[in-house]
Amino acid sequence: MRLIPTGHALSIFLAITFTLCVGWGLVTPASLHMHGAWEQLLPGFKFISVSSFFIGLLGSYIYGWYIAILFVPLYRFFNRHKD
């Protein structure tokens, strides 16, 4: 498993998920929104303004890299073969 492709894949996955959740929040009643969770996970994000959306998008992308930086070395460590 390579760090850079994994980092980009996870980051794009989280950015798309964030975008879909914000879109869902725009078309559904408030009782079905996820913005409360996003506001706690992403500093600076408040539902919804254009600048806040981009702050959340950037935060989602950074979280993807954070996960990759921790996950890939752990995966390599536990996946090594002893001969």
Protein backbone atom coordinates (compact mmCIF):
# COMPACT_ATOMS: atom_id res chain seq x y z
CA MET A 1 0.00 0.00 0.00
CA ARG A 2 1.43 3.34 -1.05
CA LEU A 3 0.94 6.53 0.96
CA ILE A 4 0.28 9.11 -1.77
CA PRO A 5 -2.47 7.25 -3.69
CA THR A 6 -4.09 6.21 -0.41
CA GLY A 7 -3.94 9.77 0.91
CA HIS A 8 -5.54 11.22 -2.20
CA ALA A 9 -8.19 8.48 -2.33
CA LEU A 10 -9.21 8.93 1.31
CA SER A 11 -9.16 12.71 1.04
CA ILE A 12 -11.31 12.78 -2.09
CA PHE A 13 -13.67 10.21 -0.53
CA LEU A 14 -14.17 12.39 2.55
CA ALA A 15 -14.53 15.57 0.46
CA ILE A 16 -17.22 13.92 -1.69
CA THR A 17 -18.97 12.57 1.40
CA PHE A 18 -18.91 16.03 2.98
CA THR A 19 -20.32 17.60 -0.20
CA LEU A 20 -23.09 15.00 -0.41
CA CYS A 21 -24.01 15.56 3.24
CA VAL A 22 -24.17 19.33 2.77
CA GLY A 23 -26.29 18.85 -0.36
CA TRP A 24 -28.54 16.48 1.58
CA GLY A 25 -28.89 19.13 4.28
CA LEU A 26 -29.99 21.69 1.72
CA VAL A 27 -32.85 19.58 0.36
CA THR A 28 -34.16 17.82 3.48
CA PRO A 29 -35.86 18.94 6.70
CA ALA A 30 -33.63 20.03 9.60
CA SER A 31 -34.33 16.82 11.52
CA LEU A 32 -32.40 14.85 8.86
CA HIS A 33 -29.31 17.10 8.71
CA MET A 34 -25.77 16.00 9.53
CA HIS A 35 -24.40 19.51 9.99
CA GLY A 36 -24.25 19.16 13.78
CA ALA A 37 -21.67 16.39 13.47
CA TRP A 38 -19.70 18.28 10.81
CA GLU A 39 -19.65 21.43 12.95
CA GLN A 40 -18.04 19.49 15.79
CA LEU A 41 -15.55 17.63 13.58
CA LEU A 42 -14.50 20.52 11.35
CA PRO A 43 -13.32 23.69 13.11
CA GLY A 44 -14.69 26.80 11.42
CA PHE A 45 -17.57 25.04 9.64
CA LYS A 46 -21.04 26.44 10.25
CA PHE A 47 -24.06 25.38 8.20
CA ILE A 48 -24.06 26.98 5.58
CA SER A 49 -22.23 29.71 3.81
CA VAL A 50 -19.91 29.54 0.83
CA SER A 51 -16.78 30.27 2.89
CA SER A 52 -17.86 27.77 5.54
CA PHE A 53 -18.43 25.12 2.88
CA PHE A 54 -14.88 25.53 1.58
CA ILE A 55 -13.48 25.43 5.13
CA GLY A 56 -15.33 22.15 5.66
CA LEU A 57 -14.16 20.80 2.31
CA LEU A 58 -10.54 21.62 3.14
CA GLY A 59 -10.92 20.10 6.61
CA SER A 60 -12.34 16.91 5.10
CA TYR A 61 -9.41 16.68 2.71
CA ILE A 62 -6.91 17.17 5.54
CA TYR A 63 -8.61 14.48 7.63
CA GLY A 64 -8.16 12.07 4.71
CA TRP A 65 -4.42 12.69 4.73
CA TYR A 66 -4.30 12.35 8.51
CA ILE A 67 -5.92 8.92 8.25
CA ALA A 68 -3.58 7.85 5.44
CA ILE A 69 -0.46 9.00 7.28
CA LEU A 70 -1.42 6.84 10.25
CA PHE A 71 -3.04 3.93 8.44
CA VAL A 72 -0.49 3.13 5.71
CA PRO A 73 2.49 2.62 8.07
CA LEU A 74 0.31 0.54 10.39
CA TYR A 75 -0.89 -1.55 7.47
CA ARG A 76 2.69 -2.08 6.28
CA PHE A 77 3.80 -3.03 9.78
CA PHE A 78 1.10 -5.65 10.25
CA ASN A 79 1.28 -6.91 6.67
CA ARG A 80 4.98 -7.65 6.57
CA HIS A 81 5.92 -11.24 5.91
CA LYS A 82 8.34 -13.17 8.06
CA ASP A 83 10.29 -15.79 6.14
